[in-house]
Amino acid sequence: MAKARRQADIDDSRIDESGRAAIKWMVALSGGQMTERQLRELDLWRNATPSNAEAWRRISGGLQPFDILARSGLPRGTVSQIRGQMASRNRRAVLGGLVGLIAVGGVGTTSLQRFVPLQDLLNDRYTRTAEHDRFELSDGSKVVLAPRSSINVSLQPNERRIEFVAGRMMLDVSERDPRPFVVDLGSIRLDASPGTFVLDRRDARLTVSGLKGSGILQGGGRQLNFRMNERLSYDGAGFVRSKIDSDAEASWTTGFAVFDDESVANIVELIRPYYAGFIRLSPEVTERRVTGVFNLFEPIVALDTLARSIGLKMTQTAGIWIKIEA
């Protein structure tokens, strides 16, 4: 077995002192456990010299959406080659191989995860940070995926089925195809009639909203009918039914999200997938209520507008760490 190399053995002469320091800061920051004092020290280091600022700019990539796989030094077509191996290897092994290739290419998987959700790479469709994906299925149904979302599609002779893995999706079920349309949500399933639905699935939380048409949710020992302008929320313990404004519910697909008396916590959760940095929300402000329109593709501006609208304070550190507090 090869021995682990010491840090001195793997230093690259092309990386100067500021570059090495920037790498160390990024590793610490990616862990998500930095204290307020450490964040201030990072800001002081970054602003101390032009070379420090340039090194930080290079390693953080400005934290704007970009094709990080292309910039990682991986061979052309790596992801396609790995996907082609699915017939003979299980998904965990394939993903492990991809992570190994990324490491060889010189990109840390923790930093990469901020831009590309690695666990979704082997699903049929997925989106990266700050990326919308609009497409049409072969049956004529239309899908909009929000950032950091993924699905698998299975259109069979007797059934149309989507496995909604994670994230946020708007689904417009085509009425031209008579086959039943099922959305697999893990322990829950949606039997959808022709119509339009918005689904959100993160961690153990699930919401299904009817914008047009109707559907049936089955799971948790219950079967619930819901109609347009209704939302059903499921937290693993039970369902909660509420009324919605269909136009506001679909507004995120335009990039401008409309909120009417919504909690700060829920607004921030919708903005998070559009920002590759870190957002920390103080517990005492999570339930403050806000009404407004926010540009999701300008997440820093949106968060600042959110904070200012109800008298909160937003602090941005090192260009990628945002804190909102009273």
Protein backbone atom coordinates (compact mmCIF):
# COMPACT_ATOMS: atom_id res chain seq x y z
CA MET A 1 0.00 0.00 0.00
CA ALA A 2 1.35 3.41 -0.93
CA LYS A 3 2.14 5.69 1.97
CA ALA A 4 0.23 8.91 2.39
CA ARG A 5 2.20 11.87 1.15
CA ARG A 6 3.09 14.72 3.47
CA GLN A 7 1.96 18.24 2.69
CA ALA A 8 5.52 19.19 1.73
CA ASP A 9 5.55 16.42 -0.87
CA ILE A 10 2.50 17.69 -2.72
CA ASP A 11 3.18 21.43 -2.70
CA ASP A 12 2.96 22.82 -6.21
CA SER A 13 5.68 25.34 -7.03
CA ARG A 14 3.18 27.17 -9.24
CA ILE A 15 1.08 28.08 -6.18
CA ASP A 16 2.45 31.04 -4.22
CA GLU A 17 2.03 31.74 -0.50
CA SER A 18 -1.24 33.62 -0.99
CA GLY A 19 -2.60 30.71 -3.06
CA ARG A 20 -1.76 28.18 -0.35
CA ALA A 21 -3.37 30.37 2.30
CA ALA A 22 -6.49 30.78 0.14
CA ILE A 23 -6.78 27.00 -0.22
CA LYS A 24 -6.56 26.56 3.56
CA TRP A 25 -9.21 29.22 4.12
CA MET A 26 -11.54 27.62 1.55
CA VAL A 27 -11.16 24.19 3.18
CA ALA A 28 -12.01 25.68 6.58
CA LEU A 29 -14.94 27.65 5.18
CA SER A 30 -16.35 24.66 3.30
CA GLY A 31 -16.68 22.81 6.59
CA GLY A 32 -19.40 25.27 7.61
CA GLN A 33 -18.16 25.53 11.21
CA MET A 34 -16.17 28.77 11.20
CA THR A 35 -16.69 31.14 14.12
CA GLU A 36 -17.42 34.85 13.83
CA ARG A 37 -13.82 35.58 14.85
CA GLN A 38 -12.45 33.28 12.14
CA LEU A 39 -14.68 34.94 9.54
CA ARG A 40 -13.34 38.35 10.54
CA GLU A 41 -9.78 37.00 10.31
CA LEU A 42 -10.53 35.69 6.82
CA ASP A 43 -11.80 39.11 5.77
CA LEU A 44 -8.71 40.80 7.21
CA TRP A 45 -6.41 38.36 5.40
CA ARG A 46 -8.28 38.76 2.11
CA ASN A 47 -8.04 42.57 2.22
CA ALA A 48 -4.45 42.70 3.49
CA THR A 49 -2.74 42.55 0.08
CA PRO A 50 -3.73 42.56 -3.60
CA SER A 51 -2.18 39.09 -4.01
CA ASN A 52 -4.39 37.71 -1.23
CA ALA A 53 -7.49 39.23 -2.82
CA GLU A 54 -6.56 37.82 -6.23
CA ALA A 55 -5.83 34.35 -4.79
CA TRP A 56 -9.22 34.34 -3.04
CA ARG A 57 -10.97 35.48 -6.22
CA ARG A 58 -9.36 32.64 -8.18
CA ILE A 59 -10.20 29.89 -5.71
CA SER A 60 -13.76 31.02 -5.04
CA GLY A 61 -14.42 31.58 -8.74
CA GLY A 62 -16.44 34.64 -7.79
CA LEU A 63 -19.08 32.14 -6.64
CA GLN A 64 -21.05 32.62 -9.82
CA PRO A 65 -22.59 29.65 -11.66
CA PHE A 66 -20.06 28.07 -14.03
CA ASP A 67 -19.25 24.74 -15.60
CA ILE A 68 -17.03 23.54 -12.78
CA LEU A 69 -16.58 20.11 -14.34
CA ALA A 70 -15.05 21.71 -17.42
CA ARG A 71 -12.69 23.75 -15.22
CA SER A 72 -11.69 20.79 -13.06
CA GLY A 73 -9.23 19.34 -15.55
CA LEU A 74 -11.23 16.13 -16.08
CA PRO A 75 -10.94 14.43 -19.47
CA ARG A 76 -13.57 15.49 -22.00
CA GLY A 77 -16.72 13.36 -21.78
CA THR A 78 -15.92 11.94 -18.32
CA VAL A 79 -19.48 12.23 -17.01
CA SER A 80 -20.94 10.69 -20.16
CA GLN A 81 -18.50 7.78 -19.94
CA ILE A 82 -19.40 7.15 -16.32
CA ARG A 83 -23.13 7.30 -17.04
CA GLY A 84 -22.60 4.71 -19.78
CA GLN A 85 -21.21 2.27 -17.24
CA MET A 86 -24.48 2.15 -15.29
CA ALA A 87 -25.56 -1.12 -16.93
CA SER A 88 -22.73 -3.04 -15.31
CA ARG A 89 -22.04 -1.11 -12.08
CA ASN A 90 -24.17 0.14 -9.23
CA ARG A 91 -24.72 3.86 -8.69
CA ARG A 92 -22.68 4.09 -5.50
CA ALA A 93 -19.62 2.60 -7.21
CA VAL A 94 -19.98 4.88 -10.22
CA LEU A 95 -20.34 7.99 -8.07
CA GLY A 96 -17.30 6.92 -6.08
CA GLY A 97 -15.35 6.68 -9.32
CA LEU A 98 -16.43 10.18 -10.33
CA VAL A 99 -15.37 11.62 -6.97
CA GLY A 100 -12.00 9.95 -7.42
CA LEU A 101 -11.56 11.50 -10.86
CA ILE A 102 -12.53 14.91 -9.53
CA ALA A 103 -9.90 14.57 -6.80
CA VAL A 104 -7.27 13.73 -9.43
CA GLY A 105 -8.40 16.78 -11.39
CA GLY A 106 -7.58 18.98 -8.42
CA VAL A 107 -11.05 20.04 -7.27
CA GLY A 108 -12.15 19.31 -3.70
CA THR A 109 -15.48 17.50 -3.58
CA THR A 110 -16.76 19.72 -0.76
CA SER A 111 -16.20 22.86 -2.83
CA LEU A 112 -17.55 21.15 -5.94
CA GLN A 113 -20.73 20.23 -4.06
CA ARG A 114 -21.50 23.94 -3.70
CA PHE A 115 -21.93 24.14 -7.50
CA VAL A 116 -22.90 20.63 -8.62
CA PRO A 117 -24.98 18.31 -6.38
CA LEU A 118 -22.83 15.20 -6.75
CA GLN A 119 -25.57 12.87 -5.52
CA ASP A 120 -27.71 13.92 -8.50
CA LEU A 121 -25.20 13.42 -11.31
CA LEU A 122 -26.55 9.98 -12.17
CA ASN A 123 -30.21 10.95 -12.27
CA ASP A 124 -31.91 11.47 -15.65
CA ARG A 125 -32.17 15.26 -15.27
CA TYR A 126 -30.55 17.53 -12.70
CA THR A 127 -29.70 21.19 -12.27
CA ARG A 128 -26.68 22.91 -10.79
CA THR A 129 -26.61 25.91 -8.45
CA ALA A 130 -28.51 28.88 -9.96
CA GLU A 131 -29.62 26.88 -12.99
CA HIS A 132 -33.17 26.43 -14.31
CA ASP A 133 -33.93 23.60 -16.72
CA ARG A 134 -37.02 23.65 -18.96
CA PHE A 135 -37.83 20.65 -21.11
CA GLU A 136 -40.68 18.65 -22.62
CA LEU A 137 -41.27 14.92 -22.14
CA SER A 138 -42.09 12.69 -25.09
CA ASP A 139 -45.78 12.64 -24.05
CA GLY A 140 -46.00 16.43 -24.33
CA SER A 141 -45.83 17.14 -20.58
CA LYS A 142 -43.57 20.06 -19.61
CA VAL A 143 -41.16 20.34 -16.68
CA VAL A 144 -39.30 23.25 -15.08
CA LEU A 145 -36.59 22.29 -12.58
CA ALA A 146 -35.36 24.83 -10.04
CA PRO A 147 -31.64 24.89 -9.11
CA ARG A 148 -30.21 21.80 -7.35
CA SER A 149 -33.18 19.61 -8.34
CA SER A 150 -33.30 16.18 -9.96
CA ILE A 151 -35.75 13.66 -11.43
CA ASN A 152 -35.84 10.28 -13.14
CA VAL A 153 -38.29 9.67 -15.99
CA SER A 154 -40.00 6.39 -16.90
CA LEU A 155 -42.63 6.50 -19.65
CA GLN A 156 -44.05 2.99 -20.02
CA PRO A 157 -46.79 1.67 -22.36
CA ASN A 158 -49.37 1.66 -19.55
CA GLU A 159 -48.10 4.51 -17.34
CA ARG A 160 -46.20 7.78 -17.29
CA ARG A 161 -44.00 8.07 -14.18
CA ILE A 162 -41.53 10.60 -12.78
CA GLU A 163 -39.42 9.97 -9.70
CA PHE A 164 -38.98 13.37 -8.08
CA VAL A 165 -35.72 12.97 -6.18
CA ALA A 166 -35.10 16.41 -4.66
CA GLY A 167 -35.52 20.15 -5.11
CA ARG A 168 -38.36 22.10 -6.68
CA MET A 169 -40.28 21.40 -9.88
CA MET A 170 -43.21 22.73 -11.87
CA LEU A 171 -44.99 20.00 -13.83
CA ASP A 172 -47.52 20.62 -16.59
CA VAL A 173 -49.19 17.25 -17.30
CA SER A 174 -50.25 16.89 -20.92
CA GLU A 175 -53.88 16.04 -21.62
CA ARG A 176 -53.02 14.59 -25.05
CA ASP A 177 -51.85 11.29 -23.57
CA PRO A 178 -54.49 9.03 -21.90
CA ARG A 179 -52.01 7.06 -19.79
CA PRO A 180 -52.09 7.67 -16.00
CA PHE A 181 -49.42 10.11 -14.75
CA VAL A 182 -47.71 9.23 -11.44
CA VAL A 183 -45.10 11.22 -9.52
CA ASP A 184 -43.07 9.05 -7.13
CA LEU A 185 -42.23 11.05 -4.00
CA GLY A 186 -40.68 8.31 -1.93
CA SER A 187 -43.23 7.20 0.65
CA ILE A 188 -45.84 9.42 -1.06
CA ARG A 189 -47.19 9.29 -4.61
CA LEU A 190 -49.11 11.81 -6.64
CA ASP A 191 -51.68 10.64 -9.17
CA ALA A 192 -52.02 13.71 -11.36
CA SER A 193 -54.76 14.64 -13.79
CA PRO A 194 -53.94 16.92 -16.74
CA GLY A 195 -52.99 20.20 -15.13
CA THR A 196 -50.13 22.16 -13.54
CA PHE A 197 -48.45 21.39 -10.22
CA VAL A 198 -45.53 22.74 -8.17
CA LEU A 199 -43.68 20.22 -6.01
CA ASP A 200 -40.99 20.91 -3.43
CA ARG A 201 -39.03 18.12 -1.75
CA ARG A 202 -36.15 18.83 0.63
CA ASP A 203 -35.01 16.65 3.51
CA ALA A 204 -38.16 15.21 5.14
CA ARG A 205 -40.42 18.05 3.96
CA LEU A 206 -42.73 17.80 0.97
CA THR A 207 -45.25 20.21 -0.53
CA VAL A 208 -47.51 19.70 -3.54
CA SER A 209 -49.47 22.65 -4.93
CA GLY A 210 -52.24 22.50 -7.52
CA LEU A 211 -52.16 25.44 -9.93
CA LYS A 212 -54.52 23.90 -12.47
CA GLY A 213 -56.32 20.56 -12.55
CA SER A 214 -56.55 18.12 -9.62
CA GLY A 215 -54.73 15.19 -8.12
CA ILE A 216 -54.63 12.54 -5.42
CA LEU A 217 -51.87 12.17 -2.84
CA GLN A 218 -51.44 8.71 -1.33
CA GLY A 219 -49.16 7.82 1.54
CA GLY A 220 -48.78 7.94 5.28
CA GLY A 221 -51.88 5.77 5.53
CA ARG A 222 -54.05 8.40 3.85
CA GLN A 223 -55.47 9.31 0.47
CA LEU A 224 -56.17 13.00 -0.11
CA ASN A 225 -57.79 14.79 -3.03
CA PHE A 226 -56.69 18.31 -3.80
CA ARG A 227 -57.72 20.87 -6.37
CA MET A 228 -56.40 24.02 -7.98
CA ASN A 229 -55.26 26.82 -5.66
CA GLU A 230 -54.57 24.30 -2.87
CA ARG A 231 -51.33 23.12 -1.27
CA LEU A 232 -50.75 19.95 0.71
CA SER A 233 -47.69 19.88 2.98
CA TYR A 234 -46.26 16.72 4.52
CA ASP A 235 -43.61 16.63 7.26
CA GLY A 236 -43.44 12.88 7.83
CA ALA A 237 -46.10 12.98 10.53
CA GLY A 238 -49.16 14.31 8.73
CA PHE A 239 -50.63 16.53 6.02
CA VAL A 240 -51.59 20.20 6.24
CA ARG A 241 -53.91 21.77 3.66
CA SER A 242 -53.75 25.48 2.75
CA LYS A 243 -54.89 27.89 0.04
CA ILE A 244 -52.43 29.47 -2.40
CA ASP A 245 -52.26 32.12 -5.08
CA SER A 246 -51.43 30.17 -8.25
CA ASP A 247 -49.63 33.08 -9.94
CA ALA A 248 -47.39 33.66 -6.92
CA GLU A 249 -46.72 29.93 -6.55
CA ALA A 250 -45.43 29.72 -10.13
CA SER A 251 -43.57 33.04 -10.10
CA TRP A 252 -40.16 31.48 -9.31
CA THR A 253 -40.09 29.95 -12.81
CA THR A 254 -39.62 33.48 -14.22
CA GLY A 255 -36.70 34.20 -11.89
CA PHE A 256 -38.74 36.76 -9.92
CA ALA A 257 -40.40 35.18 -6.88
CA VAL A 258 -43.51 36.81 -5.43
CA PHE A 259 -44.25 36.42 -1.71
CA ASP A 260 -47.28 37.58 0.25
CA ASP A 261 -46.90 37.52 4.03
CA GLU A 262 -44.30 34.73 3.88
CA SER A 263 -41.79 33.85 6.62
CA VAL A 264 -38.16 34.92 6.28
CA ALA A 265 -37.10 31.29 6.71
CA ASN A 266 -39.16 30.09 3.75
CA ILE A 267 -37.96 32.91 1.51
CA VAL A 268 -34.32 32.22 2.34
CA GLU A 269 -34.81 28.50 1.67
CA LEU A 270 -36.07 29.33 -1.82
CA ILE A 271 -33.08 31.63 -2.45
CA ARG A 272 -30.39 29.21 -1.15
CA PRO A 273 -30.13 27.04 -4.30
CA TYR A 274 -29.33 30.16 -6.33
CA TYR A 275 -26.26 31.00 -4.21
CA ALA A 276 -23.07 28.92 -3.97
CA GLY A 277 -21.99 30.57 -0.74
CA PHE A 278 -23.20 30.10 2.81
CA ILE A 279 -26.29 31.76 4.33
CA ARG A 280 -26.76 31.86 8.08
CA LEU A 281 -30.11 33.00 9.47
CA SER A 282 -30.39 33.97 13.14
CA PRO A 283 -33.15 31.98 14.88
CA GLU A 284 -34.93 35.09 16.18
CA VAL A 285 -35.74 36.36 12.67
CA THR A 286 -36.94 33.17 10.98
CA GLU A 287 -40.66 33.79 11.53
CA ARG A 288 -40.72 37.46 10.54
CA ARG A 289 -43.25 37.99 7.73
CA VAL A 290 -42.41 39.59 4.40
CA THR A 291 -44.29 40.67 1.27
CA GLY A 292 -42.35 41.48 -1.87
CA VAL A 293 -40.81 40.45 -5.19
CA PHE A 294 -37.23 39.13 -5.27
CA ASN A 295 -34.85 38.47 -8.18
CA LEU A 296 -33.64 34.92 -7.55
CA PHE A 297 -30.79 35.18 -10.05
CA GLU A 298 -29.34 38.06 -8.00
CA PRO A 299 -29.36 36.23 -4.64
CA ILE A 300 -27.13 38.69 -2.77
CA VAL A 301 -29.31 41.62 -3.85
CA ALA A 302 -32.44 39.61 -3.02
CA LEU A 303 -31.19 38.81 0.48
CA ASP A 304 -30.19 42.42 1.09
CA THR A 305 -33.60 43.63 -0.09
CA LEU A 306 -35.28 41.05 2.16
CA ALA A 307 -33.28 42.20 5.19
CA ARG A 308 -33.82 45.91 4.57
CA SER A 309 -37.56 45.51 3.99
CA ILE A 310 -38.18 44.54 7.61
CA GLY A 311 -35.27 46.25 9.36
CA LEU A 312 -32.84 43.33 9.60
CA LYS A 313 -29.06 43.45 9.22
CA MET A 314 -27.21 41.54 6.49
CA THR A 315 -23.46 41.02 6.80
CA GLN A 316 -21.37 39.56 3.97
CA THR A 317 -17.94 38.17 4.82
CA ALA A 318 -15.18 37.08 2.43
CA GLY A 319 -17.60 37.45 -0.44
CA ILE A 320 -19.31 34.10 0.21
CA TRP A 321 -20.63 34.04 3.78
CA ILE A 322 -23.89 35.90 4.49
CA LYS A 323 -25.52 36.36 7.88
CA ILE A 324 -28.95 37.90 8.46
CA GLU A 325 -29.84 38.97 11.99
CA ALA A 326 -31.92 41.42 13.95
